[in-house]
Amino acid sequence: MYSIHYGCIHMAKTLTTRAPDSLAKEIEALAREEHLDRSSLIRRLLAEAVEEKRKRKALRIYAEGKASIGKAASIARISIWDMMELIRQRGLHIDYGSEELLEDLEPLRRKKGARGK
């Protein structure tokens, strides 16, 4: 199966899994409610779950002090501003000092340096 997004062709991979009857029935009901076929709904649910998993991982490593806001945002694949909002929503302390700012600006410096050559 192929899909086209923004002029690029992406090949879809088939994934197979087993689910309890109760979950299968719930998926069928949700698909009907949202006027989607089952496969489309499952793709959407999987994408949302993976996105949420990335955000939780980013929040965890930020809270443990293992990553700056910029690094956490990169892991979550969201902007620094969205990461800061997510941190605020979860009630975590935003500790953003000069070291973190310099770390988050480093990719911009490297990019600017590459253009100047």
PDB file of N, CA and C in Angstrom:
ATOM      1  N   MET A   1       0.850  -1.167   0.000  1.00  0.00           N
ATOM      2  CA  MET A   1       0.000   0.000   0.000  1.00  0.00           C
ATOM      3  C   MET A   1       0.898   1.233   0.000  1.00  0.00           C
ATOM      4  N   TYR A   2       0.547   2.206  -0.801  1.00  0.00           N
ATOM      5  CA  TYR A   2       1.302   3.444  -0.895  1.00  0.00           C
ATOM      6  C   TYR A   2       0.403   4.603  -0.508  1.00  0.00           C
ATOM      7  N   SER A   3       1.017   5.632   0.059  1.00  0.00           N
ATOM      8  CA  SER A   3       0.280   6.859   0.318  1.00  0.00           C
ATOM      9  C   SER A   3       1.165   8.023  -0.105  1.00  0.00           C
ATOM     10  N   ILE A   4       0.538   9.110  -0.506  1.00  0.00           N
ATOM     11  CA  ILE A   4       1.276  10.282  -0.960  1.00  0.00           C
ATOM     12  C   ILE A   4       1.033  11.417   0.022  1.00  0.00           C
ATOM     13  N   HIS A   5       2.122  11.953   0.585  1.00  0.00           N
ATOM     14  CA  HIS A   5       2.054  13.069   1.518  1.00  0.00           C
ATOM     15  C   HIS A   5       3.001  14.149   1.031  1.00  0.00           C
ATOM     16  N   TYR A   6       2.481  15.327   0.742  1.00  0.00           N
ATOM     17  CA  TYR A   6       3.297  16.470   0.342  1.00  0.00           C
ATOM     18  C   TYR A   6       4.227  16.124  -0.815  1.00  0.00           C
ATOM     19  N   GLY A   7       3.720  15.378  -1.773  1.00  0.00           N
ATOM     20  CA  GLY A   7       4.496  15.060  -2.962  1.00  0.00           C
ATOM     21  C   GLY A   7       5.465  13.906  -2.792  1.00  0.00           C
ATOM     22  N   CYS A   8       5.537  13.312  -1.605  1.00  0.00           N
ATOM     23  CA  CYS A   8       6.430  12.175  -1.372  1.00  0.00           C
ATOM     24  C   CYS A   8       5.600  10.897  -1.312  1.00  0.00           C
ATOM     25  N   ILE A   9       6.151   9.824  -1.822  1.00  0.00           N
ATOM     26  CA  ILE A   9       5.458   8.540  -1.770  1.00  0.00           C
ATOM     27  C   ILE A   9       6.007   7.749  -0.591  1.00  0.00           C
ATOM     28  N   HIS A  10       5.113   7.286   0.262  1.00  0.00           N
ATOM     29  CA  HIS A  10       5.487   6.486   1.423  1.00  0.00           C
ATOM     30  C   HIS A  10       4.847   5.113   1.298  1.00  0.00           C
ATOM     31  N   MET A  11       5.643   4.085   1.489  1.00  0.00           N
ATOM     32  CA  MET A  11       5.105   2.741   1.445  1.00  0.00           C
ATOM     33  C   MET A  11       4.637   2.378   2.854  1.00  0.00           C
ATOM     34  N   ALA A  12       3.444   1.847   2.972  1.00  0.00           N
ATOM     35  CA  ALA A  12       2.907   1.453   4.268  1.00  0.00           C
ATOM     36  C   ALA A  12       3.302   0.016   4.560  1.00  0.00           C
ATOM     37  N   LYS A  13       3.578  -0.259   5.808  1.00  0.00           N
ATOM     38  CA  LYS A  13       3.959  -1.595   6.250  1.00  0.00           C
ATOM     39  C   LYS A  13       2.750  -2.226   6.918  1.00  0.00           C
ATOM     40  N   THR A  14       2.486  -3.471   6.614  1.00  0.00           N
ATOM     41  CA  THR A  14       1.385  -4.193   7.231  1.00  0.00           C
ATOM     42  C   THR A  14       1.828  -4.713   8.591  1.00  0.00           C
ATOM     43  N   LEU A  15       1.032  -4.419   9.611  1.00  0.00           N
ATOM     44  CA  LEU A  15       1.276  -4.914  10.964  1.00  0.00           C
ATOM     45  C   LEU A  15       0.125  -5.829  11.343  1.00  0.00           C
ATOM     46  N   THR A  16       0.441  -6.932  11.972  1.00  0.00           N
ATOM     47  CA  THR A  16      -0.587  -7.883  12.374  1.00  0.00           C
ATOM     48  C   THR A  16      -0.526  -8.066  13.882  1.00  0.00           C
ATOM     49  N   THR A  17      -1.698  -8.069  14.523  1.00  0.00           N
ATOM     50  CA  THR A  17      -1.751  -8.277  15.969  1.00  0.00           C
ATOM     51  C   THR A  17      -3.076  -8.937  16.335  1.00  0.00           C
ATOM     52  N   ARG A  18      -3.122  -9.467  17.511  1.00  0.00           N
ATOM     53  CA  ARG A  18      -4.363 -10.037  18.030  1.00  0.00           C
ATOM     54  C   ARG A  18      -4.842  -9.143  19.168  1.00  0.00           C
ATOM     55  N   ALA A  19      -6.156  -9.002  19.262  1.00  0.00           N
ATOM     56  CA  ALA A  19      -6.739  -8.168  20.316  1.00  0.00           C
ATOM     57  C   ALA A  19      -7.886  -8.925  20.968  1.00  0.00           C
ATOM     58  N   PRO A  20      -8.116  -8.693  22.246  1.00  0.00           N
ATOM     59  CA  PRO A  20      -9.260  -9.322  22.910  1.00  0.00           C
ATOM     60  C   PRO A  20     -10.566  -8.887  22.240  1.00  0.00           C
ATOM     61  N   ASP A  21     -11.570  -9.747  22.314  1.00  0.00           N
ATOM     62  CA  ASP A  21     -12.869  -9.438  21.705  1.00  0.00           C
ATOM     63  C   ASP A  21     -13.417  -8.099  22.182  1.00  0.00           C
ATOM     64  N   SER A  22     -13.257  -7.812  23.471  1.00  0.00           N
ATOM     65  CA  SER A  22     -13.802  -6.558  24.011  1.00  0.00           C
ATOM     66  C   SER A  22     -13.146  -5.345  23.349  1.00  0.00           C
ATOM     67  N   LEU A  23     -11.843  -5.415  23.109  1.00  0.00           N
ATOM     68  CA  LEU A  23     -11.146  -4.313  22.450  1.00  0.00           C
ATOM     69  C   LEU A  23     -11.569  -4.204  20.988  1.00  0.00           C
ATOM     70  N   ALA A  24     -11.710  -5.339  20.326  1.00  0.00           N
ATOM     71  CA  ALA A  24     -12.138  -5.338  18.923  1.00  0.00           C
ATOM     72  C   ALA A  24     -13.526  -4.709  18.787  1.00  0.00           C
ATOM     73  N   LYS A  25     -14.421  -5.038  19.707  1.00  0.00           N
ATOM     74  CA  LYS A  25     -15.769  -4.458  19.675  1.00  0.00           C
ATOM     75  C   LYS A  25     -15.726  -2.951  19.914  1.00  0.00           C
ATOM     76  N   GLU A  26     -14.866  -2.537  20.825  1.00  0.00           N
ATOM     77  CA  GLU A  26     -14.741  -1.107  21.105  1.00  0.00           C
ATOM     78  C   GLU A  26     -14.195  -0.358  19.889  1.00  0.00           C
ATOM     79  N   ILE A  27     -13.235  -0.955  19.208  1.00  0.00           N
ATOM     80  CA  ILE A  27     -12.678  -0.349  17.998  1.00  0.00           C
ATOM     81  C   ILE A  27     -13.749  -0.238  16.921  1.00  0.00           C
ATOM     82  N   GLU A  28     -14.531  -1.283  16.743  1.00  0.00           N
ATOM     83  CA  GLU A  28     -15.623  -1.254  15.758  1.00  0.00           C
ATOM     84  C   GLU A  28     -16.607  -0.129  16.085  1.00  0.00           C
ATOM     85  N   ALA A  29     -16.961   0.007  17.364  1.00  0.00           N
ATOM     86  CA  ALA A  29     -17.911   1.050  17.769  1.00  0.00           C
ATOM     87  C   ALA A  29     -17.326   2.442  17.518  1.00  0.00           C
ATOM     88  N   LEU A  30     -16.065   2.635  17.874  1.00  0.00           N
ATOM     89  CA  LEU A  30     -15.418   3.928  17.628  1.00  0.00           C
ATOM     90  C   LEU A  30     -15.347   4.242  16.141  1.00  0.00           C
ATOM     91  N   ALA A  31     -15.040   3.242  15.339  1.00  0.00           N
ATOM     92  CA  ALA A  31     -14.954   3.442  13.887  1.00  0.00           C
ATOM     93  C   ALA A  31     -16.303   3.905  13.340  1.00  0.00           C
ATOM     94  N   ARG A  32     -17.373   3.281  13.807  1.00  0.00           N
ATOM     95  CA  ARG A  32     -18.712   3.697  13.363  1.00  0.00           C
ATOM     96  C   ARG A  32     -19.003   5.132  13.798  1.00  0.00           C
ATOM     97  N   GLU A  33     -18.695   5.447  15.056  1.00  0.00           N
ATOM     98  CA  GLU A  33     -18.942   6.796  15.577  1.00  0.00           C
ATOM     99  C   GLU A  33     -18.195   7.861  14.782  1.00  0.00           C
ATOM    100  N   GLU A  34     -16.982   7.544  14.383  1.00  0.00           N
ATOM    101  CA  GLU A  34     -16.144   8.518  13.684  1.00  0.00           C
ATOM    102  C   GLU A  34     -16.239   8.399  12.167  1.00  0.00           C
ATOM    103  N   HIS A  35     -17.129   7.526  11.694  1.00  0.00           N
ATOM    104  CA  HIS A  35     -17.352   7.323  10.256  1.00  0.00           C
ATOM    105  C   HIS A  35     -16.047   6.968   9.532  1.00  0.00           C
ATOM    106  N   LEU A  36     -15.310   6.043  10.133  1.00  0.00           N
ATOM    107  CA  LEU A  36     -14.056   5.566   9.557  1.00  0.00           C
ATOM    108  C   LEU A  36     -14.113   4.059   9.399  1.00  0.00           C
ATOM    109  N   ASP A  37     -13.310   3.558   8.469  1.00  0.00           N
ATOM    110  CA  ASP A  37     -13.171   2.111   8.431  1.00  0.00           C
ATOM    111  C   ASP A  37     -12.234   1.715   9.570  1.00  0.00           C
ATOM    112  N   ARG A  38     -12.272   0.459   9.937  1.00  0.00           N
ATOM    113  CA  ARG A  38     -11.505  -0.026  11.085  1.00  0.00           C
ATOM    114  C   ARG A  38     -10.007   0.236  10.927  1.00  0.00           C
ATOM    115  N   SER A  39      -9.469  -0.017   9.742  1.00  0.00           N
ATOM    116  CA  SER A  39      -8.033   0.182   9.521  1.00  0.00           C
ATOM    117  C   SER A  39      -7.622   1.638   9.714  1.00  0.00           C
ATOM    118  N   SER A  40      -8.435   2.557   9.203  1.00  0.00           N
ATOM    119  CA  SER A  40      -8.120   3.986   9.361  1.00  0.00           C
ATOM    120  C   SER A  40      -8.121   4.385  10.827  1.00  0.00           C
ATOM    121  N   LEU A  41      -9.104   3.889  11.566  1.00  0.00           N
ATOM    122  CA  LEU A  41      -9.172   4.208  12.988  1.00  0.00           C
ATOM    123  C   LEU A  41      -7.967   3.631  13.723  1.00  0.00           C
ATOM    124  N   ILE A  42      -7.612   2.388  13.434  1.00  0.00           N
ATOM    125  CA  ILE A  42      -6.464   1.765  14.103  1.00  0.00           C
ATOM    126  C   ILE A  42      -5.182   2.522  13.782  1.00  0.00           C
ATOM    127  N   ARG A  43      -5.003   2.944  12.524  1.00  0.00           N
ATOM    128  CA  ARG A  43      -3.819   3.741  12.167  1.00  0.00           C
ATOM    129  C   ARG A  43      -3.775   5.032  12.980  1.00  0.00           C
ATOM    130  N   ARG A  44      -4.914   5.696  13.092  1.00  0.00           N
ATOM    131  CA  ARG A  44      -4.989   6.946  13.851  1.00  0.00           C
ATOM    132  C   ARG A  44      -4.670   6.701  15.328  1.00  0.00           C
ATOM    133  N   LEU A  45      -5.256   5.644  15.892  1.00  0.00           N
ATOM    134  CA  LEU A  45      -5.009   5.334  17.300  1.00  0.00           C
ATOM    135  C   LEU A  45      -3.544   4.987  17.551  1.00  0.00           C
ATOM    136  N   LEU A  46      -2.942   4.227  16.645  1.00  0.00           N
ATOM    137  CA  LEU A  46      -1.523   3.884  16.788  1.00  0.00           C
ATOM    138  C   LEU A  46      -0.642   5.126  16.712  1.00  0.00           C
ATOM    139  N   ALA A  47      -0.933   5.999  15.761  1.00  0.00           N
ATOM    140  CA  ALA A  47      -0.143   7.228  15.620  1.00  0.00           C
ATOM    141  C   ALA A  47      -0.256   8.084  16.881  1.00  0.00           C
ATOM    142  N   GLU A  48      -1.474   8.203  17.424  1.00  0.00           N
ATOM    143  CA  GLU A  48      -1.672   8.987  18.644  1.00  0.00           C
ATOM    144  C   GLU A  48      -0.939   8.356  19.823  1.00  0.00           C
ATOM    145  N   ALA A  49      -0.970   7.030  19.909  1.00  0.00           N
ATOM    146  CA  ALA A  49      -0.296   6.332  21.011  1.00  0.00           C
ATOM    147  C   ALA A  49       1.217   6.503  20.930  1.00  0.00           C
ATOM    148  N   VAL A  50       1.779   6.409  19.731  1.00  0.00           N
ATOM    149  CA  VAL A  50       3.227   6.580  19.564  1.00  0.00           C
ATOM    150  C   VAL A  50       3.627   8.015  19.907  1.00  0.00           C
ATOM    151  N   GLU A  51       2.833   8.978  19.464  1.00  0.00           N
ATOM    152  CA  GLU A  51       3.107  10.385  19.779  1.00  0.00           C
ATOM    153  C   GLU A  51       3.081  10.611  21.288  1.00  0.00           C
ATOM    154  N   GLU A  52       2.083  10.057  21.956  1.00  0.00           N
ATOM    155  CA  GLU A  52       1.964  10.204  23.405  1.00  0.00           C
ATOM    156  C   GLU A  52       3.128   9.523  24.118  1.00  0.00           C
ATOM    157  N   LYS A  53       3.547   8.374  23.622  1.00  0.00           N
ATOM    158  CA  LYS A  53       4.685   7.652  24.214  1.00  0.00           C
ATOM    159  C   LYS A  53       5.961   8.491  24.114  1.00  0.00           C
ATOM    160  N   ARG A  54       6.191   9.132  22.958  1.00  0.00           N
ATOM    161  CA  ARG A  54       7.364  10.002  22.794  1.00  0.00           C
ATOM    162  C   ARG A  54       7.320  11.161  23.789  1.00  0.00           C
ATOM    163  N   LYS A  55       6.140  11.754  23.956  1.00  0.00           N
ATOM    164  CA  LYS A  55       5.997  12.879  24.882  1.00  0.00           C
ATOM    165  C   LYS A  55       6.259  12.444  26.321  1.00  0.00           C
ATOM    166  N   ARG A  56       5.734  11.281  26.713  1.00  0.00           N
ATOM    167  CA  ARG A  56       5.962  10.788  28.074  1.00  0.00           C
ATOM    168  C   ARG A  56       7.441  10.510  28.321  1.00  0.00           C
ATOM    169  N   LYS A  57       8.112   9.937  27.313  1.00  0.00           N
ATOM    170  CA  LYS A  57       9.545   9.671  27.440  1.00  0.00           C
ATOM    171  C   LYS A  57      10.301  10.985  27.604  1.00  0.00           C
ATOM    172  N   ALA A  58       9.966  11.974  26.782  1.00  0.00           N
ATOM    173  CA  ALA A  58      10.629  13.276  26.850  1.00  0.00           C
ATOM    174  C   ALA A  58      10.407  13.930  28.212  1.00  0.00           C
ATOM    175  N   LEU A  59       9.181  13.874  28.719  1.00  0.00           N
ATOM    176  CA  LEU A  59       8.890  14.439  30.035  1.00  0.00           C
ATOM    177  C   LEU A  59       9.674  13.723  31.130  1.00  0.00           C
ATOM    178  N   ARG A  60       9.758  12.403  31.027  1.00  0.00           N
ATOM    179  CA  ARG A  60      10.473  11.624  32.040  1.00  0.00           C
ATOM    180  C   ARG A  60      11.947  12.005  32.090  1.00  0.00           C
ATOM    181  N   ILE A  61      12.603  12.035  30.925  1.00  0.00           N
ATOM    182  CA  ILE A  61      14.037  12.328  30.953  1.00  0.00           C
ATOM    183  C   ILE A  61      14.298  13.791  31.315  1.00  0.00           C
ATOM    184  N   TYR A  62      13.364  14.679  30.983  1.00  0.00           N
ATOM    185  CA  TYR A  62      13.500  16.072  31.410  1.00  0.00           C
ATOM    186  C   TYR A  62      13.372  16.150  32.933  1.00  0.00           C
ATOM    187  N   ALA A  63      12.352  15.492  33.485  1.00  0.00           N
ATOM    188  CA  ALA A  63      12.121  15.520  34.932  1.00  0.00           C
ATOM    189  C   ALA A  63      13.290  14.900  35.697  1.00  0.00           C
ATOM    190  N   GLU A  64      13.955  13.910  35.099  1.00  0.00           N
ATOM    191  CA  GLU A  64      15.113  13.268  35.728  1.00  0.00           C
ATOM    192  C   GLU A  64      16.377  14.108  35.583  1.00  0.00           C
ATOM    193  N   GLY A  65      16.289  15.216  34.852  1.00  0.00           N
ATOM    194  CA  GLY A  65      17.443  16.078  34.653  1.00  0.00           C
ATOM    195  C   GLY A  65      18.434  15.544  33.636  1.00  0.00           C
ATOM    196  N   LYS A  66      18.002  14.593  32.817  1.00  0.00           N
ATOM    197  CA  LYS A  66      18.887  13.973  31.825  1.00  0.00           C
ATOM    198  C   LYS A  66      18.845  14.672  30.475  1.00  0.00           C
ATOM    199  N   ALA A  67      17.946  15.650  30.329  1.00  0.00           N
ATOM    200  CA  ALA A  67      17.832  16.355  29.048  1.00  0.00           C
ATOM    201  C   ALA A  67      17.348  17.776  29.288  1.00  0.00           C
ATOM    202  N   SER A  68      17.795  18.665  28.424  1.00  0.00           N
ATOM    203  CA  SER A  68      17.306  20.044  28.442  1.00  0.00           C
ATOM    204  C   SER A  68      15.913  20.078  27.821  1.00  0.00           C
ATOM    205  N   ILE A  69      15.286  21.223  27.895  1.00  0.00           N
ATOM    206  CA  ILE A  69      13.980  21.374  27.252  1.00  0.00           C
ATOM    207  C   ILE A  69      14.112  21.147  25.749  1.00  0.00           C
ATOM    208  N   GLY A  70      15.166  21.671  25.156  1.00  0.00           N
ATOM    209  CA  GLY A  70      15.375  21.495  23.715  1.00  0.00           C
ATOM    210  C   GLY A  70      15.544  20.043  23.324  1.00  0.00           C
ATOM    211  N   LYS A  71      16.337  19.309  24.105  1.00  0.00           N
ATOM    212  CA  LYS A  71      16.547  17.884  23.820  1.00  0.00           C
ATOM    213  C   LYS A  71      15.240  17.119  24.010  1.00  0.00           C
ATOM    214  N   ALA A  72      14.510  17.433  25.072  1.00  0.00           N
ATOM    215  CA  ALA A  72      13.224  16.772  25.317  1.00  0.00           C
ATOM    216  C   ALA A  72      12.245  17.068  24.181  1.00  0.00           C
ATOM    217  N   ALA A  73      12.239  18.322  23.719  1.00  0.00           N
ATOM    218  CA  ALA A  73      11.360  18.692  22.601  1.00  0.00           C
ATOM    219  C   ALA A  73      11.728  17.908  21.351  1.00  0.00           C
ATOM    220  N   SER A  74      13.015  17.725  21.130  1.00  0.00           N
ATOM    221  CA  SER A  74      13.473  16.961  19.974  1.00  0.00           C
ATOM    222  C   SER A  74      13.009  15.511  20.061  1.00  0.00           C
ATOM    223  N   ILE A  75      13.111  14.921  21.237  1.00  0.00           N
ATOM    224  CA  ILE A  75      12.662  13.538  21.436  1.00  0.00           C
ATOM    225  C   ILE A  75      11.162  13.432  21.202  1.00  0.00           C
ATOM    226  N   ALA A  76      10.409  14.414  21.706  1.00  0.00           N
ATOM    227  CA  ALA A  76       8.950  14.406  21.554  1.00  0.00           C
ATOM    228  C   ALA A  76       8.509  14.828  20.158  1.00  0.00           C
ATOM    229  N   ARG A  77       9.459  15.373  19.372  1.00  0.00           N
ATOM    230  CA  ARG A  77       9.180  15.890  18.027  1.00  0.00           C
ATOM    231  C   ARG A  77       8.163  17.028  18.050  1.00  0.00           C
ATOM    232  N   ILE A  78       8.370  17.929  19.014  1.00  0.00           N
ATOM    233  CA  ILE A  78       7.537  19.121  19.119  1.00  0.00           C
ATOM    234  C   ILE A  78       8.464  20.324  19.305  1.00  0.00           C
ATOM    235  N   SER A  79       7.915  21.525  19.199  1.00  0.00           N
ATOM    236  CA  SER A  79       8.723  22.733  19.373  1.00  0.00           C
ATOM    237  C   SER A  79       9.095  22.904  20.847  1.00  0.00           C
ATOM    238  N   ILE A  80      10.111  23.713  21.082  1.00  0.00           N
ATOM    239  CA  ILE A  80      10.499  24.012  22.463  1.00  0.00           C
ATOM    240  C   ILE A  80       9.332  24.660  23.202  1.00  0.00           C
ATOM    241  N   TRP A  81       8.596  25.540  22.516  1.00  0.00           N
ATOM    242  CA  TRP A  81       7.460  26.216  23.151  1.00  0.00           C
ATOM    243  C   TRP A  81       6.380  25.215  23.538  1.00  0.00           C
ATOM    244  N   ASP A  82       6.105  24.263  22.651  1.00  0.00           N
ATOM    245  CA  ASP A  82       5.109  23.234  22.974  1.00  0.00           C
ATOM    246  C   ASP A  82       5.597  22.354  24.122  1.00  0.00           C
ATOM    247  N   MET A  83       6.908  22.085  24.159  1.00  0.00           N
ATOM    248  CA  MET A  83       7.467  21.280  25.248  1.00  0.00           C
ATOM    249  C   MET A  83       7.326  22.016  26.571  1.00  0.00           C
ATOM    250  N   MET A  84       7.594  23.315  26.555  1.00  0.00           N
ATOM    251  CA  MET A  84       7.445  24.105  27.779  1.00  0.00           C
ATOM    252  C   MET A  84       5.996  24.091  28.262  1.00  0.00           C
ATOM    253  N   GLU A  85       5.066  24.174  27.336  1.00  0.00           N
ATOM    254  CA  GLU A  85       3.643  24.124  27.699  1.00  0.00           C
ATOM    255  C   GLU A  85       3.284  22.756  28.268  1.00  0.00           C
ATOM    256  N   LEU A  86       3.811  21.701  27.679  1.00  0.00           N
ATOM    257  CA  LEU A  86       3.557  20.342  28.165  1.00  0.00           C
ATOM    258  C   LEU A  86       4.118  20.171  29.579  1.00  0.00           C
ATOM    259  N   ILE A  87       5.308  20.688  29.805  1.00  0.00           N
ATOM    260  CA  ILE A  87       5.920  20.632  31.137  1.00  0.00           C
ATOM    261  C   ILE A  87       5.042  21.376  32.142  1.00  0.00           C
ATOM    262  N   ARG A  88       4.567  22.551  31.748  1.00  0.00           N
ATOM    263  CA  ARG A  88       3.694  23.343  32.625  1.00  0.00           C
ATOM    264  C   ARG A  88       2.400  22.599  32.933  1.00  0.00           C
ATOM    265  N   GLN A  89       1.788  22.004  31.889  1.00  0.00           N
ATOM    266  CA  GLN A  89       0.533  21.266  32.065  1.00  0.00           C
ATOM    267  C   GLN A  89       0.702  20.097  33.029  1.00  0.00           C
ATOM    268  N   ARG A  90       1.858  19.462  33.001  1.00  0.00           N
ATOM    269  CA  ARG A  90       2.107  18.306  33.872  1.00  0.00           C
ATOM    270  C   ARG A  90       2.574  18.715  35.267  1.00  0.00           C
ATOM    271  N   GLY A  91       2.679  20.021  35.486  1.00  0.00           N
ATOM    272  CA  GLY A  91       3.040  20.507  36.811  1.00  0.00           C
ATOM    273  C   GLY A  91       4.510  20.354  37.156  1.00  0.00           C
ATOM    274  N   LEU A  92       5.349  20.207  36.150  1.00  0.00           N
ATOM    275  CA  LEU A  92       6.786  20.093  36.391  1.00  0.00           C
ATOM    276  C   LEU A  92       7.411  21.482  36.431  1.00  0.00           C
ATOM    277  N   HIS A  93       8.513  21.588  37.132  1.00  0.00           N
ATOM    278  CA  HIS A  93       9.244  22.857  37.233  1.00  0.00           C
ATOM    279  C   HIS A  93      10.055  23.073  35.962  1.00  0.00           C
ATOM    280  N   ILE A  94       9.957  24.273  35.405  1.00  0.00           N
ATOM    281  CA  ILE A  94      10.757  24.608  34.227  1.00  0.00           C
ATOM    282  C   ILE A  94      12.046  25.253  34.719  1.00  0.00           C
ATOM    283  N   ASP A  95      13.133  24.530  34.543  1.00  0.00           N
ATOM    284  CA  ASP A  95      14.450  25.006  34.952  1.00  0.00           C
ATOM    285  C   ASP A  95      15.235  25.282  33.682  1.00  0.00           C
ATOM    286  N   TYR A  96      15.190  26.520  33.234  1.00  0.00           N
ATOM    287  CA  TYR A  96      15.798  26.871  31.954  1.00  0.00           C
ATOM    288  C   TYR A  96      16.800  27.988  32.179  1.00  0.00           C
ATOM    289  N   GLY A  97      18.035  27.587  32.370  1.00  0.00           N
ATOM    290  CA  GLY A  97      19.090  28.552  32.627  1.00  0.00           C
ATOM    291  C   GLY A  97      19.952  28.782  31.402  1.00  0.00           C
ATOM    292  N   SER A  98      21.042  29.496  31.625  1.00  0.00           N
ATOM    293  CA  SER A  98      21.926  29.842  30.503  1.00  0.00           C
ATOM    294  C   SER A  98      22.559  28.609  29.866  1.00  0.00           C
ATOM    295  N   GLU A  99      22.872  27.585  30.675  1.00  0.00           N
ATOM    296  CA  GLU A  99      23.457  26.364  30.104  1.00  0.00           C
ATOM    297  C   GLU A  99      22.489  25.693  29.134  1.00  0.00           C
ATOM    298  N   GLU A 100      21.228  25.614  29.529  1.00  0.00           N
ATOM    299  CA  GLU A 100      20.224  24.997  28.665  1.00  0.00           C
ATOM    300  C   GLU A 100      20.026  25.813  27.392  1.00  0.00           C
ATOM    301  N   LEU A 101      20.033  27.132  27.533  1.00  0.00           N
ATOM    302  CA  LEU A 101      19.882  27.991  26.361  1.00  0.00           C
ATOM    303  C   LEU A 101      21.024  27.753  25.377  1.00  0.00           C
ATOM    304  N   LEU A 102      22.255  27.724  25.884  1.00  0.00           N
ATOM    305  CA  LEU A 102      23.408  27.482  25.011  1.00  0.00           C
ATOM    306  C   LEU A 102      23.318  26.111  24.339  1.00  0.00           C
ATOM    307  N   GLU A 103      22.888  25.102  25.097  1.00  0.00           N
ATOM    308  CA  GLU A 103      22.735  23.758  24.526  1.00  0.00           C
ATOM    309  C   GLU A 103      21.681  23.752  23.424  1.00  0.00           C
ATOM    310  N   ASP A 104      20.577  24.450  23.652  1.00  0.00           N
ATOM    311  CA  ASP A 104      19.500  24.475  22.667  1.00  0.00           C
ATOM    312  C   ASP A 104      19.853  25.306  21.438  1.00  0.00           C
ATOM    313  N   LEU A 105      20.764  26.269  21.597  1.00  0.00           N
ATOM    314  CA  LEU A 105      21.180  27.095  20.461  1.00  0.00           C
ATOM    315  C   LEU A 105      22.282  26.444  19.627  1.00  0.00           C
ATOM    316  N   GLU A 106      22.937  25.424  20.151  1.00  0.00           N
ATOM    317  CA  GLU A 106      24.049  24.783  19.454  1.00  0.00           C
ATOM    318  C   GLU A 106      23.678  24.291  18.051  1.00  0.00           C
ATOM    319  N   PRO A 107      22.539  23.625  17.852  1.00  0.00           N
ATOM    320  CA  PRO A 107      22.194  23.207  16.482  1.00  0.00           C
ATOM    321  C   PRO A 107      22.079  24.385  15.517  1.00  0.00           C
ATOM    322  N   LEU A 108      21.598  25.533  16.003  1.00  0.00           N
ATOM    323  CA  LEU A 108      21.503  26.718  15.145  1.00  0.00           C
ATOM    324  C   LEU A 108      22.889  27.234  14.781  1.00  0.00           C
ATOM    325  N   ARG A 109      23.814  27.213  15.752  1.00  0.00           N
ATOM    326  CA  ARG A 109      25.183  27.642  15.474  1.00  0.00           C
ATOM    327  C   ARG A 109      25.833  26.740  14.434  1.00  0.00           C
ATOM    328  N   ARG A 110      25.631  25.430  14.588  1.00  0.00           N
ATOM    329  CA  ARG A 110      26.220  24.485  13.624  1.00  0.00           C
ATOM    330  C   ARG A 110      25.637  24.713  12.239  1.00  0.00           C
ATOM    331  N   LYS A 111      24.331  24.951  12.176  1.00  0.00           N
ATOM    332  CA  LYS A 111      23.676  25.180  10.889  1.00  0.00           C
ATOM    333  C   LYS A 111      24.192  26.464  10.245  1.00  0.00           C
ATOM    334  N   LYS A 112      24.336  27.508  11.054  1.00  0.00           N
ATOM    335  CA  LYS A 112      24.841  28.780  10.538  1.00  0.00           C
ATOM    336  C   LYS A 112      26.280  28.617  10.068  1.00  0.00           C
ATOM    337  N   GLY A 113      27.083  27.873  10.819  1.00  0.00           N
ATOM    338  CA  GLY A 113      28.472  27.627  10.442  1.00  0.00           C
ATOM    339  C   GLY A 113      28.591  26.843   9.155  1.00  0.00           C
ATOM    340  N   ALA A 114      27.687  25.912   8.934  1.00  0.00           N
ATOM    341  CA  ALA A 114      27.709  25.104   7.704  1.00  0.00           C
ATOM    342  C   ALA A 114      27.372  25.962   6.494  1.00  0.00           C
ATOM    343  N   ARG A 115      26.490  26.941   6.674  1.00  0.00           N
ATOM    344  CA  ARG A 115      26.119  27.817   5.559  1.00  0.00           C
ATOM    345  C   ARG A 115      27.227  28.802   5.229  1.00  0.00           C
ATOM    346  N   GLY A 116      28.018  29.161   6.237  1.00  0.00           N
ATOM    347  CA  GLY A 116      29.059  30.152   6.035  1.00  0.00           C
ATOM    348  C   GLY A 116      30.290  29.613   5.326  1.00  0.00           C
ATOM    349  N   LYS A 117      30.372  28.306   5.174  1.00  0.00           N
ATOM    350  CA  LYS A 117      31.555  27.698   4.535  1.00  0.00           C
ATOM    351  C   LYS A 117      31.469  27.719   3.050  1.00  0.00           C
TER     352      LYS A 117
END
